[in-house]
Amino acid sequence: MAVKGSSTVWDVRAGESLEFASAGIRITLVHKSGRLARLHVVAPHDTRITIDKSSEDRAGLRGKHETIPA
């Protein structure tokens, strides 16, 4: 899905957060091990959060698209 706007890439360490203050969203990297990262997401209740795992499908792993209730 293409989204209009700008994009940036951030390198973070465990315990560091990205905050979208105007949207009330904070994403914290809790733990990283190999190809798996555990993120803690704080967002308003009406925020729809989805995860797109299609890149895993291209790597030969089972792909899935999940919607996580806020």
PDB file of N, CA and C in Angstrom:
ATOM      1  N   MET A   1       0.837  -1.157   0.000  1.00  0.00           N
ATOM      2  CA  MET A   1       0.000   0.000   0.000  1.00  0.00           C
ATOM      3  C   MET A   1       0.893   1.235   0.000  1.00  0.00           C
ATOM      4  N   ALA A   2       0.700   2.109  -0.933  1.00  0.00           N
ATOM      5  CA  ALA A   2       1.478   3.343  -1.021  1.00  0.00           C
ATOM      6  C   ALA A   2       0.815   4.426  -0.186  1.00  0.00           C
ATOM      7  N   VAL A   3       1.618   5.133   0.563  1.00  0.00           N
ATOM      8  CA  VAL A   3       1.135   6.224   1.393  1.00  0.00           C
ATOM      9  C   VAL A   3       1.840   7.493   0.954  1.00  0.00           C
ATOM     10  N   LYS A   4       1.074   8.540   0.690  1.00  0.00           N
ATOM     11  CA  LYS A   4       1.687   9.807   0.303  1.00  0.00           C
ATOM     12  C   LYS A   4       2.311  10.450   1.532  1.00  0.00           C
ATOM     13  N   GLY A   5       3.450  11.069   1.341  1.00  0.00           N
ATOM     14  CA  GLY A   5       4.133  11.737   2.438  1.00  0.00           C
ATOM     15  C   GLY A   5       5.614  11.447   2.356  1.00  0.00           C
ATOM     16  N   SER A   6       6.299  11.745   3.426  1.00  0.00           N
ATOM     17  CA  SER A   6       7.731  11.516   3.459  1.00  0.00           C
ATOM     18  C   SER A   6       8.035  10.206   4.168  1.00  0.00           C
ATOM     19  N   SER A   7       9.262   9.736   4.009  1.00  0.00           N
ATOM     20  CA  SER A   7       9.666   8.523   4.717  1.00  0.00           C
ATOM     21  C   SER A   7      11.097   8.691   5.193  1.00  0.00           C
ATOM     22  N   THR A   8      11.414   8.036   6.290  1.00  0.00           N
ATOM     23  CA  THR A   8      12.765   8.038   6.836  1.00  0.00           C
ATOM     24  C   THR A   8      13.068   6.657   7.382  1.00  0.00           C
ATOM     25  N   VAL A   9      14.327   6.374   7.561  1.00  0.00           N
ATOM     26  CA  VAL A   9      14.771   5.108   8.143  1.00  0.00           C
ATOM     27  C   VAL A   9      15.485   5.443   9.446  1.00  0.00           C
ATOM     28  N   TRP A  10      15.152   4.740  10.510  1.00  0.00           N
ATOM     29  CA  TRP A  10      15.726   4.987  11.825  1.00  0.00           C
ATOM     30  C   TRP A  10      16.421   3.730  12.335  1.00  0.00           C
ATOM     31  N   ASP A  11      17.583   3.900  12.917  1.00  0.00           N
ATOM     32  CA  ASP A  11      18.273   2.816  13.613  1.00  0.00           C
ATOM     33  C   ASP A  11      18.048   3.034  15.099  1.00  0.00           C
ATOM     34  N   VAL A  12      17.481   2.030  15.774  1.00  0.00           N
ATOM     35  CA  VAL A  12      17.200   2.151  17.204  1.00  0.00           C
ATOM     36  C   VAL A  12      17.761   0.951  17.946  1.00  0.00           C
ATOM     37  N   ARG A  13      18.034   1.166  19.206  1.00  0.00           N
ATOM     38  CA  ARG A  13      18.500   0.098  20.094  1.00  0.00           C
ATOM     39  C   ARG A  13      17.374  -0.254  21.054  1.00  0.00           C
ATOM     40  N   ALA A  14      17.484  -1.423  21.679  1.00  0.00           N
ATOM     41  CA  ALA A  14      16.488  -1.849  22.663  1.00  0.00           C
ATOM     42  C   ALA A  14      16.326  -0.756  23.712  1.00  0.00           C
ATOM     43  N   GLY A  15      15.085  -0.442  24.011  1.00  0.00           N
ATOM     44  CA  GLY A  15      14.765   0.593  24.983  1.00  0.00           C
ATOM     45  C   GLY A  15      14.537   1.959  24.359  1.00  0.00           C
ATOM     46  N   GLU A  16      14.926   2.157  23.110  1.00  0.00           N
ATOM     47  CA  GLU A  16      14.709   3.429  22.435  1.00  0.00           C
ATOM     48  C   GLU A  16      13.333   3.452  21.777  1.00  0.00           C
ATOM     49  N   SER A  17      12.779   4.656  21.632  1.00  0.00           N
ATOM     50  CA  SER A  17      11.431   4.811  21.092  1.00  0.00           C
ATOM     51  C   SER A  17      11.398   5.803  19.947  1.00  0.00           C
ATOM     52  N   LEU A  18      10.447   5.608  19.066  1.00  0.00           N
ATOM     53  CA  LEU A  18      10.064   6.605  18.059  1.00  0.00           C
ATOM     54  C   LEU A  18       8.726   7.146  18.516  1.00  0.00           C
ATOM     55  N   GLU A  19       8.587   8.462  18.541  1.00  0.00           N
ATOM     56  CA  GLU A  19       7.339   9.063  18.995  1.00  0.00           C
ATOM     57  C   GLU A  19       6.769   9.964  17.913  1.00  0.00           C
ATOM     58  N   PHE A  20       5.507   9.762  17.621  1.00  0.00           N
ATOM     59  CA  PHE A  20       4.753  10.593  16.693  1.00  0.00           C
ATOM     60  C   PHE A  20       3.837  11.439  17.562  1.00  0.00           C
ATOM     61  N   ALA A  21       4.399  12.504  18.117  1.00  0.00           N
ATOM     62  CA  ALA A  21       3.724  13.293  19.139  1.00  0.00           C
ATOM     63  C   ALA A  21       2.384  13.837  18.666  1.00  0.00           C
ATOM     64  N   SER A  22       2.312  14.334  17.438  1.00  0.00           N
ATOM     65  CA  SER A  22       1.060  14.924  16.956  1.00  0.00           C
ATOM     66  C   SER A  22      -0.046  13.883  16.821  1.00  0.00           C
ATOM     67  N   ALA A  23       0.330  12.597  16.690  1.00  0.00           N
ATOM     68  CA  ALA A  23      -0.658  11.527  16.552  1.00  0.00           C
ATOM     69  C   ALA A  23      -0.849  10.746  17.852  1.00  0.00           C
ATOM     70  N   GLY A  24      -0.042  11.050  18.869  1.00  0.00           N
ATOM     71  CA  GLY A  24      -0.158  10.337  20.137  1.00  0.00           C
ATOM     72  C   GLY A  24       0.307   8.891  20.050  1.00  0.00           C
ATOM     73  N   ILE A  25       1.315   8.627  19.222  1.00  0.00           N
ATOM     74  CA  ILE A  25       1.799   7.261  19.013  1.00  0.00           C
ATOM     75  C   ILE A  25       3.263   7.162  19.417  1.00  0.00           C
ATOM     76  N   ARG A  26       3.595   6.099  20.169  1.00  0.00           N
ATOM     77  CA  ARG A  26       4.983   5.826  20.532  1.00  0.00           C
ATOM     78  C   ARG A  26       5.266   4.346  20.254  1.00  0.00           C
ATOM     79  N   ILE A  27       6.390   4.078  19.580  1.00  0.00           N
ATOM     80  CA  ILE A  27       6.816   2.710  19.272  1.00  0.00           C
ATOM     81  C   ILE A  27       8.178   2.506  19.914  1.00  0.00           C
ATOM     82  N   THR A  28       8.278   1.518  20.800  1.00  0.00           N
ATOM     83  CA  THR A  28       9.522   1.243  21.522  1.00  0.00           C
ATOM     84  C   THR A  28      10.042  -0.130  21.127  1.00  0.00           C
ATOM     85  N   LEU A  29      11.338  -0.207  20.807  1.00  0.00           N
ATOM     86  CA  LEU A  29      11.975  -1.495  20.549  1.00  0.00           C
ATOM     87  C   LEU A  29      12.272  -2.138  21.894  1.00  0.00           C
ATOM     88  N   VAL A  30      11.565  -3.217  22.207  1.00  0.00           N
ATOM     89  CA  VAL A  30      11.714  -3.890  23.491  1.00  0.00           C
ATOM     90  C   VAL A  30      12.873  -4.870  23.450  1.00  0.00           C
ATOM     91  N   HIS A  31      12.945  -5.674  22.372  1.00  0.00           N
ATOM     92  CA  HIS A  31      13.957  -6.728  22.290  1.00  0.00           C
ATOM     93  C   HIS A  31      14.208  -7.062  20.825  1.00  0.00           C
ATOM     94  N   LYS A  32      15.434  -7.368  20.490  1.00  0.00           N
ATOM     95  CA  LYS A  32      15.797  -7.772  19.129  1.00  0.00           C
ATOM     96  C   LYS A  32      16.640  -9.023  19.218  1.00  0.00           C
ATOM     97  N   SER A  33      16.271 -10.032  18.450  1.00  0.00           N
ATOM     98  CA  SER A  33      17.023 -11.279  18.412  1.00  0.00           C
ATOM     99  C   SER A  33      16.944 -11.831  16.994  1.00  0.00           C
ATOM    100  N   GLY A  34      18.088 -11.895  16.311  1.00  0.00           N
ATOM    101  CA  GLY A  34      18.100 -12.387  14.935  1.00  0.00           C
ATOM    102  C   GLY A  34      17.222 -11.528  14.052  1.00  0.00           C
ATOM    103  N   ARG A  35      16.274 -12.152  13.363  1.00  0.00           N
ATOM    104  CA  ARG A  35      15.384 -11.431  12.443  1.00  0.00           C
ATOM    105  C   ARG A  35      14.082 -10.989  13.103  1.00  0.00           C
ATOM    106  N   LEU A  36      13.957 -11.203  14.409  1.00  0.00           N
ATOM    107  CA  LEU A  36      12.722 -10.895  15.117  1.00  0.00           C
ATOM    108  C   LEU A  36      12.929  -9.726  16.068  1.00  0.00           C
ATOM    109  N   ALA A  37      12.026  -8.752  16.024  1.00  0.00           N
ATOM    110  CA  ALA A  37      12.068  -7.613  16.933  1.00  0.00           C
ATOM    111  C   ALA A  37      10.734  -7.542  17.676  1.00  0.00           C
ATOM    112  N   ARG A  38      10.792  -7.269  18.974  1.00  0.00           N
ATOM    113  CA  ARG A  38       9.570  -7.093  19.760  1.00  0.00           C
ATOM    114  C   ARG A  38       9.370  -5.596  19.967  1.00  0.00           C
ATOM    115  N   LEU A  39       8.226  -5.095  19.508  1.00  0.00           N
ATOM    116  CA  LEU A  39       7.899  -3.682  19.600  1.00  0.00           C
ATOM    117  C   LEU A  39       6.743  -3.480  20.571  1.00  0.00           C
ATOM    118  N   HIS A  40       6.806  -2.412  21.345  1.00  0.00           N
ATOM    119  CA  HIS A  40       5.689  -2.017  22.211  1.00  0.00           C
ATOM    120  C   HIS A  40       5.101  -0.766  21.588  1.00  0.00           C
ATOM    121  N   VAL A  41       3.822  -0.824  21.223  1.00  0.00           N
ATOM    122  CA  VAL A  41       3.167   0.286  20.536  1.00  0.00           C
ATOM    123  C   VAL A  41       2.106   0.878  21.463  1.00  0.00           C
ATOM    124  N   VAL A  42       2.193   2.187  21.677  1.00  0.00           N
ATOM    125  CA  VAL A  42       1.178   2.921  22.437  1.00  0.00           C
ATOM    126  C   VAL A  42       0.517   3.868  21.449  1.00  0.00           C
ATOM    127  N   ALA A  43      -0.810   3.741  21.310  1.00  0.00           N
ATOM    128  CA  ALA A  43      -1.545   4.553  20.340  1.00  0.00           C
ATOM    129  C   ALA A  43      -2.958   4.784  20.850  1.00  0.00           C
ATOM    130  N   PRO A  44      -3.613   5.834  20.347  1.00  0.00           N
ATOM    131  CA  PRO A  44      -5.015   6.058  20.725  1.00  0.00           C
ATOM    132  C   PRO A  44      -5.872   4.841  20.364  1.00  0.00           C
ATOM    133  N   HIS A  45      -6.954   4.630  21.117  1.00  0.00           N
ATOM    134  CA  HIS A  45      -7.814   3.461  20.910  1.00  0.00           C
ATOM    135  C   HIS A  45      -8.387   3.372  19.505  1.00  0.00           C
ATOM    136  N   ASP A  46      -8.602   4.496  18.845  1.00  0.00           N
ATOM    137  CA  ASP A  46      -9.210   4.467  17.512  1.00  0.00           C
ATOM    138  C   ASP A  46      -8.175   4.295  16.397  1.00  0.00           C
ATOM    139  N   THR A  47      -6.917   4.047  16.756  1.00  0.00           N
ATOM    140  CA  THR A  47      -5.865   3.852  15.759  1.00  0.00           C
ATOM    141  C   THR A  47      -5.877   2.411  15.279  1.00  0.00           C
ATOM    142  N   ARG A  48      -5.965   2.236  13.975  1.00  0.00           N
ATOM    143  CA  ARG A  48      -5.899   0.884  13.399  1.00  0.00           C
ATOM    144  C   ARG A  48      -4.436   0.551  13.162  1.00  0.00           C
ATOM    145  N   ILE A  49      -3.995  -0.568  13.717  1.00  0.00           N
ATOM    146  CA  ILE A  49      -2.602  -0.999  13.585  1.00  0.00           C
ATOM    147  C   ILE A  49      -2.591  -2.312  12.816  1.00  0.00           C
ATOM    148  N   THR A  50      -1.812  -2.368  11.738  1.00  0.00           N
ATOM    149  CA  THR A  50      -1.704  -3.591  10.950  1.00  0.00           C
ATOM    150  C   THR A  50      -0.240  -3.970  10.818  1.00  0.00           C
ATOM    151  N   ILE A  51      -0.008  -5.230  10.531  1.00  0.00           N
ATOM    152  CA  ILE A  51       1.344  -5.717  10.269  1.00  0.00           C
ATOM    153  C   ILE A  51       1.325  -6.418   8.919  1.00  0.00           C
ATOM    154  N   ASP A  52       2.251  -6.061   8.057  1.00  0.00           N
ATOM    155  CA  ASP A  52       2.339  -6.637   6.718  1.00  0.00           C
ATOM    156  C   ASP A  52       3.548  -7.554   6.687  1.00  0.00           C
ATOM    157  N   LYS A  53       3.304  -8.841   6.625  1.00  0.00           N
ATOM    158  CA  LYS A  53       4.383  -9.819   6.620  1.00  0.00           C
ATOM    159  C   LYS A  53       4.658 -10.360   5.228  1.00  0.00           C
ATOM    160  N   SER A  54       4.281  -9.620   4.198  1.00  0.00           N
ATOM    161  CA  SER A  54       4.455 -10.107   2.827  1.00  0.00           C
ATOM    162  C   SER A  54       5.923 -10.264   2.455  1.00  0.00           C
ATOM    163  N   SER A  55       6.836  -9.504   3.074  1.00  0.00           N
ATOM    164  CA  SER A  55       8.258  -9.647   2.757  1.00  0.00           C
ATOM    165  C   SER A  55       8.768 -11.020   3.186  1.00  0.00           C
ATOM    166  N   GLU A  56       8.214 -11.590   4.259  1.00  0.00           N
ATOM    167  CA  GLU A  56       8.580 -12.948   4.671  1.00  0.00           C
ATOM    168  C   GLU A  56       8.135 -13.957   3.632  1.00  0.00           C
ATOM    169  N   ASP A  57       6.984 -13.698   3.008  1.00  0.00           N
ATOM    170  CA  ASP A  57       6.482 -14.598   1.982  1.00  0.00           C
ATOM    171  C   ASP A  57       7.458 -14.649   0.808  1.00  0.00           C
ATOM    172  N   ARG A  58       8.027 -13.503   0.430  1.00  0.00           N
ATOM    173  CA  ARG A  58       8.996 -13.467  -0.664  1.00  0.00           C
ATOM    174  C   ARG A  58      10.273 -14.198  -0.292  1.00  0.00           C
ATOM    175  N   ALA A  59      10.575 -14.277   0.998  1.00  0.00           N
ATOM    176  CA  ALA A  59      11.789 -14.953   1.459  1.00  0.00           C
ATOM    177  C   ALA A  59      11.560 -16.460   1.593  1.00  0.00           C
ATOM    178  N   GLY A  60      10.377 -16.920   1.193  1.00  0.00           N
ATOM    179  CA  GLY A  60      10.090 -18.342   1.274  1.00  0.00           C
ATOM    180  C   GLY A  60       9.454 -18.746   2.587  1.00  0.00           C
ATOM    181  N   LEU A  61       9.124 -17.785   3.430  1.00  0.00           N
ATOM    182  CA  LEU A  61       8.452 -18.069   4.677  1.00  0.00           C
ATOM    183  C   LEU A  61       6.971 -17.803   4.516  1.00  0.00           C
ATOM    184  N   ARG A  62       6.179 -18.313   5.403  1.00  0.00           N
ATOM    185  CA  ARG A  62       4.738 -18.127   5.336  1.00  0.00           C
ATOM    186  C   ARG A  62       4.399 -16.666   5.571  1.00  0.00           C
ATOM    187  N   GLY A  63       3.687 -16.057   4.625  1.00  0.00           N
ATOM    188  CA  GLY A  63       3.301 -14.654   4.742  1.00  0.00           C
ATOM    189  C   GLY A  63       1.894 -14.519   5.274  1.00  0.00           C
ATOM    190  N   LYS A  64       1.623 -13.404   5.943  1.00  0.00           N
ATOM    191  CA  LYS A  64       0.322 -13.195   6.539  1.00  0.00           C
ATOM    192  C   LYS A  64       0.126 -11.708   6.768  1.00  0.00           C
ATOM    193  N   HIS A  65      -1.105 -11.254   6.697  1.00  0.00           N
ATOM    194  CA  HIS A  65      -1.424  -9.867   6.987  1.00  0.00           C
ATOM    195  C   HIS A  65      -2.368  -9.892   8.178  1.00  0.00           C
ATOM    196  N   GLU A  66      -1.970  -9.272   9.276  1.00  0.00           N
ATOM    197  CA  GLU A  66      -2.774  -9.294  10.491  1.00  0.00           C
ATOM    198  C   GLU A  66      -3.206  -7.889  10.866  1.00  0.00           C
ATOM    199  N   THR A  67      -4.386  -7.787  11.437  1.00  0.00           N
ATOM    200  CA  THR A  67      -4.819  -6.532  12.034  1.00  0.00           C
ATOM    201  C   THR A  67      -4.833  -6.729  13.533  1.00  0.00           C
ATOM    202  N   ILE A  68      -4.156  -5.831  14.226  1.00  0.00           N
ATOM    203  CA  ILE A  68      -4.054  -5.912  15.669  1.00  0.00           C
ATOM    204  C   ILE A  68      -4.997  -4.882  16.261  1.00  0.00           C
ATOM    205  N   PRO A  69      -5.976  -5.285  17.067  1.00  0.00           N
ATOM    206  CA  PRO A  69      -6.872  -4.286  17.654  1.00  0.00           C
ATOM    207  C   PRO A  69      -6.090  -3.380  18.610  1.00  0.00           C
ATOM    208  N   ALA A  70      -6.433  -2.109  18.587  1.00  0.00           N
ATOM    209  CA  ALA A  70      -5.750  -1.138  19.462  1.00  0.00           C
ATOM    210  C   ALA A  70      -6.321  -1.210  20.854  1.00  0.00           C
TER     211      ALA A  70
END
